[in-house]
Amino acid sequence: MQDFTSVGWLRGGHAQTIWPALFAQRGAAGAWCWERWEAPDGDFIDVALGMADQAPAGAPWLLLFHGLEGSFASHYAQAMAQAARERGWHLALPHFRGCGGEINRAPRAYHSGDADEIGWIVQRMRRRAPGPLYAVGVSLGGNALARWAGLQAGAARGLLQGLAVVSAPLDLSASGTALGRGLNRAIYTRMFMRTLVPKALAKWRQYPGLFDREAVLRARDLRAFDDAFTAPVHGFLGVSDYWLRASAFPVLGDIAVPALLLNARNDPFVPAESLPERASVGDRVTLWQPPHGGHVGFAQGRWPGHVLAMPRAVTSWLAQQAKG
């Protein structure tokens, strides 16, 4: 995967982002089971479970953290579930607050740097998993996972055998700025705002006065939305403070558990110049930065292509960490 090359009929970062998400084959993820987990603050999250058929009692578990406005229906979630089933692994996909189809109880939502949220989910999963436990974070979920691992440092080794971070905006300011420009603003920002704003307004009806409702209604990009909603609701001074303090980049050097950071260098969301270099990360971190792949795309095969190459490569890398 570190040498990933694009298929001839799908060229450019935008095409490699959009086509895989909409049209590429994802495999057969199998049936999902659902559980509701009560959070330490009295709120809840909904967790989708993909159980491997006839797996032994000590089969590994893969914990998958989704991206902004993602869910079990996201193309990468379906493909990762297929890859996990091929290996005989169980998979758990916690939906961040408000992403499971029902508004959450607390006066909060979710955000890119929520290491505490990642922490209690990992610890709960660790108590459930008698065998190896791995974690994968995609995009927003990847930044949150990497930030948690960096803040935990050596303590993470007692919880996870390995983790992988896919297409994560590790420098939130660089990625947030990129998403506010040109085609990114016209395509992806508009898509995100279609669901983020209604969710925020539902939260305001639940907790009137929690944030500036009119500022949210005026927001046309993620910078304005994060300034009006995400930052104040989650205790940040504003969007600049949020993007600075929630970014995983400053703590990548403290990650002590085996970790894979996978970013395509033509990702429209994540400028190549914002990606970490070898000197920016710890000794246990592996960097894969292929020239192609888009944002969580990595399509392979003949038309219409499939998105199984990345999950298979990532789970293969994770499996190797248990042997090492």
C-alpha atoms as a PDB file:
ATOM      1  CA  MET A   1       0.000   0.000   0.000  1.00  0.00           C
ATOM      2  CA  GLN A   2       2.891   2.384   0.569  1.00  0.00           C
ATOM      3  CA  ASP A   3       3.513   2.001  -3.182  1.00  0.00           C
ATOM      4  CA  PHE A   4      -0.160   2.394  -4.144  1.00  0.00           C
ATOM      5  CA  THR A   5      -0.661   3.460  -7.749  1.00  0.00           C
ATOM      6  CA  SER A   6      -3.893   4.723  -9.236  1.00  0.00           C
ATOM      7  CA  VAL A   7      -5.893   2.722 -11.747  1.00  0.00           C
ATOM      8  CA  GLY A   8      -5.621   4.135 -15.251  1.00  0.00           C
ATOM      9  CA  TRP A   9      -9.273   5.089 -15.562  1.00  0.00           C
ATOM     10  CA  LEU A  10      -9.427   7.063 -12.293  1.00  0.00           C
ATOM     11  CA  ARG A  11      -7.029   9.995 -12.143  1.00  0.00           C
ATOM     12  CA  GLY A  12      -6.636  12.884  -9.714  1.00  0.00           C
ATOM     13  CA  GLY A  13      -7.367  13.364  -6.040  1.00  0.00           C
ATOM     14  CA  HIS A  14     -10.994  14.425  -6.463  1.00  0.00           C
ATOM     15  CA  ALA A  15     -11.886  11.477  -8.701  1.00  0.00           C
ATOM     16  CA  GLN A  16     -10.051   9.087  -6.376  1.00  0.00           C
ATOM     17  CA  THR A  17     -12.078  10.486  -3.463  1.00  0.00           C
ATOM     18  CA  ILE A  18     -15.568  10.710  -4.942  1.00  0.00           C
ATOM     19  CA  TRP A  19     -15.809   7.629  -7.158  1.00  0.00           C
ATOM     20  CA  PRO A  20     -14.744   5.111  -4.469  1.00  0.00           C
ATOM     21  CA  ALA A  21     -17.198   6.595  -1.974  1.00  0.00           C
ATOM     22  CA  LEU A  22     -20.137   6.395  -4.379  1.00  0.00           C
ATOM     23  CA  PHE A  23     -19.586   3.607  -6.870  1.00  0.00           C
ATOM     24  CA  ALA A  24     -16.696   1.259  -6.086  1.00  0.00           C
ATOM     25  CA  GLN A  25     -17.402  -2.205  -4.725  1.00  0.00           C
ATOM     26  CA  ARG A  26     -17.079  -2.586  -0.958  1.00  0.00           C
ATOM     27  CA  GLY A  27     -17.358  -6.323  -0.455  1.00  0.00           C
ATOM     28  CA  ALA A  28     -19.954  -8.132   1.651  1.00  0.00           C
ATOM     29  CA  ALA A  29     -19.623  -6.777   5.168  1.00  0.00           C
ATOM     30  CA  GLY A  30     -22.253  -9.146   6.572  1.00  0.00           C
ATOM     31  CA  ALA A  31     -24.939  -8.386   9.122  1.00  0.00           C
ATOM     32  CA  TRP A  32     -24.441  -5.821  11.863  1.00  0.00           C
ATOM     33  CA  CYS A  33     -25.531  -6.179  15.470  1.00  0.00           C
ATOM     34  CA  TRP A  34     -26.174  -3.065  17.536  1.00  0.00           C
ATOM     35  CA  GLU A  35     -25.480  -2.139  21.135  1.00  0.00           C
ATOM     36  CA  ARG A  36     -25.992   1.079  23.078  1.00  0.00           C
ATOM     37  CA  TRP A  37     -23.143   1.980  25.415  1.00  0.00           C
ATOM     38  CA  GLU A  38     -23.759   4.365  28.280  1.00  0.00           C
ATOM     39  CA  ALA A  39     -21.062   7.018  28.470  1.00  0.00           C
ATOM     40  CA  PRO A  40     -19.407   8.129  31.747  1.00  0.00           C
ATOM     41  CA  ASP A  41     -21.234  11.478  31.605  1.00  0.00           C
ATOM     42  CA  GLY A  42     -24.706   9.936  31.297  1.00  0.00           C
ATOM     43  CA  ASP A  43     -24.860  10.217  27.513  1.00  0.00           C
ATOM     44  CA  PHE A  44     -24.688   7.269  25.093  1.00  0.00           C
ATOM     45  CA  ILE A  45     -23.179   6.062  21.845  1.00  0.00           C
ATOM     46  CA  ASP A  46     -24.480   3.416  19.466  1.00  0.00           C
ATOM     47  CA  VAL A  47     -22.028   0.717  18.420  1.00  0.00           C
ATOM     48  CA  ALA A  48     -22.318  -1.461  15.309  1.00  0.00           C
ATOM     49  CA  LEU A  49     -20.751  -4.903  15.704  1.00  0.00           C
ATOM     50  CA  GLY A  50     -19.627  -7.135  12.873  1.00  0.00           C
ATOM     51  CA  MET A  51     -19.105 -10.615  14.243  1.00  0.00           C
ATOM     52  CA  ALA A  52     -16.847 -13.069  12.422  1.00  0.00           C
ATOM     53  CA  ASP A  53     -18.514 -16.403  11.721  1.00  0.00           C
ATOM     54  CA  GLN A  54     -17.217 -19.328  13.789  1.00  0.00           C
ATOM     55  CA  ALA A  55     -14.317 -17.301  15.162  1.00  0.00           C
ATOM     56  CA  PRO A  56     -12.576 -18.708  18.259  1.00  0.00           C
ATOM     57  CA  ALA A  57     -13.219 -17.125  21.634  1.00  0.00           C
ATOM     58  CA  GLY A  58      -9.917 -15.263  21.589  1.00  0.00           C
ATOM     59  CA  ALA A  59     -10.259 -13.896  18.050  1.00  0.00           C
ATOM     60  CA  PRO A  60      -8.918 -10.356  17.604  1.00  0.00           C
ATOM     61  CA  TRP A  61     -11.196  -7.342  17.720  1.00  0.00           C
ATOM     62  CA  LEU A  62     -10.841  -4.368  15.392  1.00  0.00           C
ATOM     63  CA  LEU A  63     -12.147  -1.057  16.733  1.00  0.00           C
ATOM     64  CA  LEU A  64     -13.009   1.347  13.894  1.00  0.00           C
ATOM     65  CA  PHE A  65     -13.485   5.091  14.452  1.00  0.00           C
ATOM     66  CA  HIS A  66     -15.314   6.774  11.582  1.00  0.00           C
ATOM     67  CA  GLY A  67     -14.804  10.177   9.974  1.00  0.00           C
ATOM     68  CA  LEU A  68     -16.817  13.399   9.971  1.00  0.00           C
ATOM     69  CA  GLU A  69     -20.499  12.481   9.636  1.00  0.00           C
ATOM     70  CA  GLY A  70     -19.542   8.878   8.902  1.00  0.00           C
ATOM     71  CA  SER A  71     -21.294   5.693  10.009  1.00  0.00           C
ATOM     72  CA  PHE A  72     -21.452   1.939   9.484  1.00  0.00           C
ATOM     73  CA  ALA A  73     -22.812   2.715   6.005  1.00  0.00           C
ATOM     74  CA  SER A  74     -19.657   4.570   4.907  1.00  0.00           C
ATOM     75  CA  HIS A  75     -17.785   2.852   2.101  1.00  0.00           C
ATOM     76  CA  TYR A  76     -14.609   2.433   4.165  1.00  0.00           C
ATOM     77  CA  ALA A  77     -16.572   0.931   7.070  1.00  0.00           C
ATOM     78  CA  GLN A  78     -18.174  -1.659   4.823  1.00  0.00           C
ATOM     79  CA  ALA A  79     -14.823  -2.514   3.244  1.00  0.00           C
ATOM     80  CA  MET A  80     -13.005  -2.677   6.588  1.00  0.00           C
ATOM     81  CA  ALA A  81     -15.699  -5.000   7.912  1.00  0.00           C
ATOM     82  CA  GLN A  82     -15.149  -7.263   4.909  1.00  0.00           C
ATOM     83  CA  ALA A  83     -11.382  -7.293   5.484  1.00  0.00           C
ATOM     84  CA  ALA A  84     -11.897  -8.078   9.178  1.00  0.00           C
ATOM     85  CA  ARG A  85     -14.229 -10.967   8.368  1.00  0.00           C
ATOM     86  CA  GLU A  86     -11.669 -12.391   5.938  1.00  0.00           C
ATOM     87  CA  ARG A  87      -9.196 -12.549   8.817  1.00  0.00           C
ATOM     88  CA  GLY A  88     -11.694 -13.972  11.311  1.00  0.00           C
ATOM     89  CA  TRP A  89     -11.675 -10.763  13.359  1.00  0.00           C
ATOM     90  CA  HIS A  90     -14.618  -9.194  15.105  1.00  0.00           C
ATOM     91  CA  LEU A  91     -15.236  -5.510  14.396  1.00  0.00           C
ATOM     92  CA  ALA A  92     -16.775  -2.775  16.543  1.00  0.00           C
ATOM     93  CA  LEU A  93     -17.715   0.584  15.050  1.00  0.00           C
ATOM     94  CA  PRO A  94     -18.667   3.141  17.715  1.00  0.00           C
ATOM     95  CA  HIS A  95     -20.730   5.975  16.286  1.00  0.00           C
ATOM     96  CA  PHE A  96     -19.664   9.334  17.627  1.00  0.00           C
ATOM     97  CA  ARG A  97     -22.371  11.198  19.492  1.00  0.00           C
ATOM     98  CA  GLY A  98     -25.271  12.070  17.238  1.00  0.00           C
ATOM     99  CA  CYS A  99     -24.036   9.873  14.358  1.00  0.00           C
ATOM    100  CA  GLY A 100     -25.995   6.728  15.211  1.00  0.00           C
ATOM    101  CA  GLY A 101     -29.324   7.989  13.894  1.00  0.00           C
ATOM    102  CA  GLU A 102     -30.601   9.490  17.158  1.00  0.00           C
ATOM    103  CA  ILE A 103     -29.696  12.747  18.847  1.00  0.00           C
ATOM    104  CA  ASN A 104     -27.564  12.240  21.942  1.00  0.00           C
ATOM    105  CA  ARG A 105     -28.604  13.409  25.392  1.00  0.00           C
ATOM    106  CA  ALA A 106     -25.782  15.681  26.501  1.00  0.00           C
ATOM    107  CA  PRO A 107     -25.152  19.352  25.573  1.00  0.00           C
ATOM    108  CA  ARG A 108     -22.323  18.355  23.257  1.00  0.00           C
ATOM    109  CA  ALA A 109     -21.641  16.522  19.981  1.00  0.00           C
ATOM    110  CA  TYR A 110     -18.267  15.184  18.807  1.00  0.00           C
ATOM    111  CA  HIS A 111     -15.053  16.745  17.599  1.00  0.00           C
ATOM    112  CA  SER A 112     -11.716  15.971  15.975  1.00  0.00           C
ATOM    113  CA  GLY A 113      -9.548  15.954  19.084  1.00  0.00           C
ATOM    114  CA  ASP A 114     -11.709  14.138  21.622  1.00  0.00           C
ATOM    115  CA  ALA A 115      -9.033  11.931  23.186  1.00  0.00           C
ATOM    116  CA  ASP A 116     -11.162  11.350  26.296  1.00  0.00           C
ATOM    117  CA  GLU A 117     -13.956   9.884  24.172  1.00  0.00           C
ATOM    118  CA  ILE A 118     -11.514   7.598  22.380  1.00  0.00           C
ATOM    119  CA  GLY A 119     -10.030   6.607  25.722  1.00  0.00           C
ATOM    120  CA  TRP A 120     -13.159   5.336  27.426  1.00  0.00           C
ATOM    121  CA  ILE A 121     -14.237   3.469  24.284  1.00  0.00           C
ATOM    122  CA  VAL A 122     -10.845   1.746  23.977  1.00  0.00           C
ATOM    123  CA  GLN A 123     -10.845   0.817  27.658  1.00  0.00           C
ATOM    124  CA  ARG A 124     -14.369  -0.609  27.488  1.00  0.00           C
ATOM    125  CA  MET A 125     -13.466  -2.596  24.382  1.00  0.00           C
ATOM    126  CA  ARG A 126     -10.273  -3.851  26.025  1.00  0.00           C
ATOM    127  CA  ARG A 127     -12.329  -5.353  28.882  1.00  0.00           C
ATOM    128  CA  ARG A 128     -14.465  -7.164  26.326  1.00  0.00           C
ATOM    129  CA  ALA A 129     -11.707  -8.442  24.041  1.00  0.00           C
ATOM    130  CA  PRO A 130      -9.791 -11.400  25.510  1.00  0.00           C
ATOM    131  CA  GLY A 131      -7.388 -11.510  22.569  1.00  0.00           C
ATOM    132  CA  PRO A 132      -5.582  -8.898  20.477  1.00  0.00           C
ATOM    133  CA  LEU A 133      -7.250  -5.500  20.112  1.00  0.00           C
ATOM    134  CA  TYR A 134      -6.468  -3.192  17.207  1.00  0.00           C
ATOM    135  CA  ALA A 135      -7.852   0.226  16.348  1.00  0.00           C
ATOM    136  CA  VAL A 136      -8.270   2.053  13.052  1.00  0.00           C
ATOM    137  CA  GLY A 137      -9.271   5.694  12.798  1.00  0.00           C
ATOM    138  CA  VAL A 138     -10.425   7.239   9.525  1.00  0.00           C
ATOM    139  CA  SER A 139     -10.188  10.974   8.773  1.00  0.00           C
ATOM    140  CA  LEU A 140     -11.606  12.826  11.829  1.00  0.00           C
ATOM    141  CA  GLY A 141     -11.611   9.577  13.803  1.00  0.00           C
ATOM    142  CA  GLY A 142      -7.992   9.045  12.805  1.00  0.00           C
ATOM    143  CA  ASN A 143      -6.887  12.410  14.170  1.00  0.00           C
ATOM    144  CA  ALA A 144      -8.727  11.730  17.437  1.00  0.00           C
ATOM    145  CA  LEU A 145      -7.171   8.253  17.706  1.00  0.00           C
ATOM    146  CA  ALA A 146      -3.660   9.539  16.982  1.00  0.00           C
ATOM    147  CA  ARG A 147      -4.074  12.349  19.506  1.00  0.00           C
ATOM    148  CA  TRP A 148      -5.221   9.885  22.162  1.00  0.00           C
ATOM    149  CA  ALA A 149      -2.275   7.599  21.440  1.00  0.00           C
ATOM    150  CA  GLY A 150       0.182  10.484  21.651  1.00  0.00           C
ATOM    151  CA  LEU A 151      -1.247  11.760  24.927  1.00  0.00           C
ATOM    152  CA  GLN A 152      -1.295   8.246  26.383  1.00  0.00           C
ATOM    153  CA  ALA A 153       2.293   7.533  25.278  1.00  0.00           C
ATOM    154  CA  GLY A 154       3.455   4.247  26.856  1.00  0.00           C
ATOM    155  CA  ALA A 155       0.127   3.590  28.581  1.00  0.00           C
ATOM    156  CA  ALA A 156      -1.477   2.805  25.199  1.00  0.00           C
ATOM    157  CA  ARG A 157       0.679  -0.333  24.878  1.00  0.00           C
ATOM    158  CA  GLY A 158      -1.370  -2.023  27.571  1.00  0.00           C
ATOM    159  CA  LEU A 159      -4.581  -1.418  25.660  1.00  0.00           C
ATOM    160  CA  LEU A 160      -3.830  -1.906  21.959  1.00  0.00           C
ATOM    161  CA  GLN A 161      -1.554  -4.208  20.008  1.00  0.00           C
ATOM    162  CA  GLY A 162      -1.459  -1.678  17.191  1.00  0.00           C
ATOM    163  CA  LEU A 163      -3.360   1.133  15.525  1.00  0.00           C
ATOM    164  CA  ALA A 164      -3.737   2.618  12.062  1.00  0.00           C
ATOM    165  CA  VAL A 165      -4.738   6.135  11.076  1.00  0.00           C
ATOM    166  CA  VAL A 166      -6.108   6.583   7.551  1.00  0.00           C
ATOM    167  CA  SER A 167      -6.436   9.899   5.682  1.00  0.00           C
ATOM    168  CA  ALA A 168      -6.415  11.881   8.917  1.00  0.00           C
ATOM    169  CA  PRO A 169      -6.176  15.696   8.987  1.00  0.00           C
ATOM    170  CA  LEU A 170      -3.380  15.685  11.561  1.00  0.00           C
ATOM    171  CA  ASP A 171      -2.982  19.457  11.177  1.00  0.00           C
ATOM    172  CA  LEU A 172      -6.565  20.669  11.462  1.00  0.00           C
ATOM    173  CA  SER A 173      -5.789  24.232  10.494  1.00  0.00           C
ATOM    174  CA  ALA A 174      -4.183  23.161   7.209  1.00  0.00           C
ATOM    175  CA  SER A 175      -7.045  20.822   6.348  1.00  0.00           C
ATOM    176  CA  GLY A 176      -9.787  23.182   7.504  1.00  0.00           C
ATOM    177  CA  THR A 177      -8.337  25.945   5.371  1.00  0.00           C
ATOM    178  CA  ALA A 178      -8.051  23.616   2.367  1.00  0.00           C
ATOM    179  CA  LEU A 179     -11.687  22.554   2.704  1.00  0.00           C
ATOM    180  CA  GLY A 180     -12.783  26.176   2.569  1.00  0.00           C
ATOM    181  CA  ARG A 181     -11.316  26.797  -0.896  1.00  0.00           C
ATOM    182  CA  GLY A 182     -12.227  26.100  -4.525  1.00  0.00           C
ATOM    183  CA  LEU A 183     -13.699  22.732  -5.436  1.00  0.00           C
ATOM    184  CA  ASN A 184     -13.285  21.514  -1.876  1.00  0.00           C
ATOM    185  CA  ARG A 185     -15.674  24.204  -0.673  1.00  0.00           C
ATOM    186  CA  ALA A 186     -18.118  23.607  -3.523  1.00  0.00           C
ATOM    187  CA  ILE A 187     -18.206  19.814  -3.173  1.00  0.00           C
ATOM    188  CA  TYR A 188     -17.157  18.499   0.235  1.00  0.00           C
ATOM    189  CA  THR A 189     -17.919  21.454   2.496  1.00  0.00           C
ATOM    190  CA  ARG A 190     -21.417  21.726   1.078  1.00  0.00           C
ATOM    191  CA  MET A 191     -21.938  17.999   1.653  1.00  0.00           C
ATOM    192  CA  PHE A 192     -20.830  18.198   5.295  1.00  0.00           C
ATOM    193  CA  MET A 193     -22.876  21.312   6.015  1.00  0.00           C
ATOM    194  CA  ARG A 194     -26.064  19.622   4.811  1.00  0.00           C
ATOM    195  CA  THR A 195     -26.021  17.395   7.894  1.00  0.00           C
ATOM    196  CA  LEU A 196     -23.901  19.340  10.398  1.00  0.00           C
ATOM    197  CA  VAL A 197     -26.156  22.396  10.498  1.00  0.00           C
ATOM    198  CA  PRO A 198     -29.445  20.510  11.034  1.00  0.00           C
ATOM    199  CA  LYS A 199     -27.807  18.465  13.810  1.00  0.00           C
ATOM    200  CA  ALA A 200     -26.569  21.641  15.474  1.00  0.00           C
ATOM    201  CA  LEU A 201     -30.036  23.203  15.275  1.00  0.00           C
ATOM    202  CA  ALA A 202     -31.541  20.060  16.804  1.00  0.00           C
ATOM    203  CA  LYS A 203     -29.044  20.384  19.650  1.00  0.00           C
ATOM    204  CA  TRP A 204     -30.030  24.043  20.113  1.00  0.00           C
ATOM    205  CA  ARG A 205     -33.703  23.024  20.410  1.00  0.00           C
ATOM    206  CA  GLN A 206     -32.642  20.475  23.003  1.00  0.00           C
ATOM    207  CA  TYR A 207     -30.535  23.068  24.874  1.00  0.00           C
ATOM    208  CA  PRO A 208     -31.699  26.590  23.930  1.00  0.00           C
ATOM    209  CA  GLY A 209     -28.908  29.135  24.258  1.00  0.00           C
ATOM    210  CA  LEU A 210     -26.096  26.555  24.142  1.00  0.00           C
ATOM    211  CA  PHE A 211     -24.454  28.455  21.262  1.00  0.00           C
ATOM    212  CA  ASP A 212     -25.123  31.307  18.861  1.00  0.00           C
ATOM    213  CA  ARG A 213     -27.856  29.868  16.650  1.00  0.00           C
ATOM    214  CA  GLU A 214     -27.757  32.762  14.180  1.00  0.00           C
ATOM    215  CA  ALA A 215     -24.012  32.319  13.680  1.00  0.00           C
ATOM    216  CA  VAL A 216     -24.582  28.662  12.807  1.00  0.00           C
ATOM    217  CA  LEU A 217     -27.267  29.635  10.294  1.00  0.00           C
ATOM    218  CA  ARG A 218     -24.829  32.072   8.677  1.00  0.00           C
ATOM    219  CA  ALA A 219     -22.013  29.510   8.464  1.00  0.00           C
ATOM    220  CA  ARG A 220     -21.040  28.515   4.931  1.00  0.00           C
ATOM    221  CA  ASP A 221     -17.865  26.562   5.622  1.00  0.00           C
ATOM    222  CA  LEU A 222     -16.284  24.435   8.335  1.00  0.00           C
ATOM    223  CA  ARG A 223     -14.250  27.331   9.744  1.00  0.00           C
ATOM    224  CA  ALA A 224     -17.398  29.324  10.435  1.00  0.00           C
ATOM    225  CA  PHE A 225     -19.304  26.275  11.673  1.00  0.00           C
ATOM    226  CA  ASP A 226     -16.540  25.188  14.032  1.00  0.00           C
ATOM    227  CA  ASP A 227     -16.277  28.764  15.325  1.00  0.00           C
ATOM    228  CA  ALA A 228     -20.015  28.997  15.948  1.00  0.00           C
ATOM    229  CA  PHE A 229     -20.750  25.471  17.189  1.00  0.00           C
ATOM    230  CA  THR A 230     -17.947  22.940  17.623  1.00  0.00           C
ATOM    231  CA  ALA A 231     -15.546  25.190  19.507  1.00  0.00           C
ATOM    232  CA  PRO A 232     -17.896  26.811  22.071  1.00  0.00           C
ATOM    233  CA  VAL A 233     -19.904  23.654  22.714  1.00  0.00           C
ATOM    234  CA  HIS A 234     -16.736  21.672  23.504  1.00  0.00           C
ATOM    235  CA  GLY A 235     -14.884  24.228  25.593  1.00  0.00           C
ATOM    236  CA  PHE A 236     -12.600  25.886  23.041  1.00  0.00           C
ATOM    237  CA  LEU A 237     -12.131  29.648  22.745  1.00  0.00           C
ATOM    238  CA  GLY A 238     -12.887  29.669  19.015  1.00  0.00           C
ATOM    239  CA  VAL A 239     -12.026  27.917  15.801  1.00  0.00           C
ATOM    240  CA  SER A 240      -8.318  28.789  15.910  1.00  0.00           C
ATOM    241  CA  ASP A 241      -8.009  27.479  19.461  1.00  0.00           C
ATOM    242  CA  TYR A 242      -9.940  24.332  18.524  1.00  0.00           C
ATOM    243  CA  TRP A 243      -7.931  23.543  15.413  1.00  0.00           C
ATOM    244  CA  LEU A 244      -4.666  24.131  17.285  1.00  0.00           C
ATOM    245  CA  ARG A 245      -5.424  22.189  20.463  1.00  0.00           C
ATOM    246  CA  ALA A 246      -7.321  19.327  18.803  1.00  0.00           C
ATOM    247  CA  SER A 247      -4.671  18.525  16.196  1.00  0.00           C
ATOM    248  CA  ALA A 248      -2.732  15.295  16.670  1.00  0.00           C
ATOM    249  CA  PHE A 249       0.399  16.552  14.894  1.00  0.00           C
ATOM    250  CA  PRO A 250       2.138  17.972  18.013  1.00  0.00           C
ATOM    251  CA  VAL A 251       1.944  14.628  19.873  1.00  0.00           C
ATOM    252  CA  LEU A 252       2.885  12.236  17.060  1.00  0.00           C
ATOM    253  CA  GLY A 253       6.383  11.987  18.483  1.00  0.00           C
ATOM    254  CA  ASP A 254       4.976  10.606  21.747  1.00  0.00           C
ATOM    255  CA  ILE A 255       3.111   7.642  20.234  1.00  0.00           C
ATOM    256  CA  ALA A 256       4.609   4.495  21.765  1.00  0.00           C
ATOM    257  CA  VAL A 257       2.244   1.795  20.462  1.00  0.00           C
ATOM    258  CA  PRO A 258       2.905   0.445  16.933  1.00  0.00           C
ATOM    259  CA  ALA A 259       1.081   2.878  14.674  1.00  0.00           C
ATOM    260  CA  LEU A 260       0.582   3.221  10.926  1.00  0.00           C
ATOM    261  CA  LEU A 261      -0.162   6.661   9.477  1.00  0.00           C
ATOM    262  CA  LEU A 262      -1.530   6.356   5.926  1.00  0.00           C
ATOM    263  CA  ASN A 263      -2.095   9.504   3.850  1.00  0.00           C
ATOM    264  CA  ALA A 264      -2.304   9.829   0.074  1.00  0.00           C
ATOM    265  CA  ARG A 265      -0.310  12.806  -1.116  1.00  0.00           C
ATOM    266  CA  ASN A 266      -3.118  13.847  -3.484  1.00  0.00           C
ATOM    267  CA  ASP A 267      -5.788  13.932  -0.750  1.00  0.00           C
ATOM    268  CA  PRO A 268      -7.946  17.039  -1.407  1.00  0.00           C
ATOM    269  CA  PHE A 269      -8.680  17.341   2.333  1.00  0.00           C
ATOM    270  CA  VAL A 270      -5.092  17.065   3.582  1.00  0.00           C
ATOM    271  CA  PRO A 271      -2.408  19.200   1.872  1.00  0.00           C
ATOM    272  CA  ALA A 272       0.733  17.169   1.193  1.00  0.00           C
ATOM    273  CA  GLU A 273       2.897  19.843   2.795  1.00  0.00           C
ATOM    274  CA  SER A 274       1.032  19.336   6.090  1.00  0.00           C
ATOM    275  CA  LEU A 275       1.886  15.623   6.323  1.00  0.00           C
ATOM    276  CA  PRO A 276       4.355  14.446   8.980  1.00  0.00           C
ATOM    277  CA  GLU A 277       7.922  13.581   8.078  1.00  0.00           C
ATOM    278  CA  ARG A 278      10.028  10.884   9.709  1.00  0.00           C
ATOM    279  CA  ALA A 279      11.498  13.365  12.203  1.00  0.00           C
ATOM    280  CA  SER A 280       8.000  14.372  13.372  1.00  0.00           C
ATOM    281  CA  VAL A 281       6.927  10.945  14.627  1.00  0.00           C
ATOM    282  CA  GLY A 282       8.039   8.388  17.178  1.00  0.00           C
ATOM    283  CA  ASP A 283      10.101   5.268  16.526  1.00  0.00           C
ATOM    284  CA  ARG A 284       7.014   3.035  16.643  1.00  0.00           C
ATOM    285  CA  VAL A 285       5.252   4.980  13.870  1.00  0.00           C
ATOM    286  CA  THR A 286       5.261   3.810  10.247  1.00  0.00           C
ATOM    287  CA  LEU A 287       4.483   6.357   7.518  1.00  0.00           C
ATOM    288  CA  TRP A 288       2.776   5.332   4.290  1.00  0.00           C
ATOM    289  CA  GLN A 289       2.342   8.297   1.948  1.00  0.00           C
ATOM    290  CA  PRO A 290       1.543   6.997  -1.548  1.00  0.00           C
ATOM    291  CA  PRO A 291       1.207   9.585  -4.324  1.00  0.00           C
ATOM    292  CA  HIS A 292      -2.345   8.506  -5.168  1.00  0.00           C
ATOM    293  CA  GLY A 293      -5.494   7.464  -3.339  1.00  0.00           C
ATOM    294  CA  GLY A 294      -7.475  10.624  -2.650  1.00  0.00           C
ATOM    295  CA  HIS A 295      -9.303  10.954   0.648  1.00  0.00           C
ATOM    296  CA  VAL A 296     -10.125   7.458   1.933  1.00  0.00           C
ATOM    297  CA  GLY A 297     -10.352   6.289  -1.679  1.00  0.00           C
ATOM    298  CA  PHE A 298      -7.566   3.917  -2.737  1.00  0.00           C
ATOM    299  CA  ALA A 299      -9.661   2.281  -5.456  1.00  0.00           C
ATOM    300  CA  GLN A 300      -8.166  -0.707  -7.276  1.00  0.00           C
ATOM    301  CA  GLY A 301      -9.168  -3.164  -9.979  1.00  0.00           C
ATOM    302  CA  ARG A 302     -11.137  -2.939 -13.167  1.00  0.00           C
ATOM    303  CA  TRP A 303     -14.098  -0.605 -13.586  1.00  0.00           C
ATOM    304  CA  PRO A 304     -16.009   0.118 -11.354  1.00  0.00           C
ATOM    305  CA  GLY A 305     -13.153  -0.765  -9.004  1.00  0.00           C
ATOM    306  CA  HIS A 306     -13.169  -1.808  -5.376  1.00  0.00           C
ATOM    307  CA  VAL A 307     -12.008  -0.291  -2.081  1.00  0.00           C
ATOM    308  CA  LEU A 308     -10.734  -3.464  -0.404  1.00  0.00           C
ATOM    309  CA  ALA A 309      -7.024  -2.958  -1.088  1.00  0.00           C
ATOM    310  CA  MET A 310      -6.545  -0.392   1.678  1.00  0.00           C
ATOM    311  CA  PRO A 311      -8.410  -2.323   4.425  1.00  0.00           C
ATOM    312  CA  ARG A 312      -6.586  -5.524   3.510  1.00  0.00           C
ATOM    313  CA  ALA A 313      -3.200  -3.788   3.601  1.00  0.00           C
ATOM    314  CA  VAL A 314      -3.990  -2.060   6.902  1.00  0.00           C
ATOM    315  CA  THR A 315      -5.256  -5.214   8.626  1.00  0.00           C
ATOM    316  CA  SER A 316      -2.233  -7.120   7.315  1.00  0.00           C
ATOM    317  CA  TRP A 317       0.067  -4.510   8.830  1.00  0.00           C
ATOM    318  CA  LEU A 318      -1.794  -4.654  12.135  1.00  0.00           C
ATOM    319  CA  ALA A 319      -1.623  -8.452  12.239  1.00  0.00           C
ATOM    320  CA  GLN A 320       2.146  -8.256  11.881  1.00  0.00           C
ATOM    321  CA  GLN A 321       2.380  -6.149  15.035  1.00  0.00           C
ATOM    322  CA  ALA A 322       1.034  -8.971  17.201  1.00  0.00           C
ATOM    323  CA  LYS A 323       3.804 -11.223  15.882  1.00  0.00           C
ATOM    324  CA  GLY A 324       6.466  -8.634  16.608  1.00  0.00           C
END
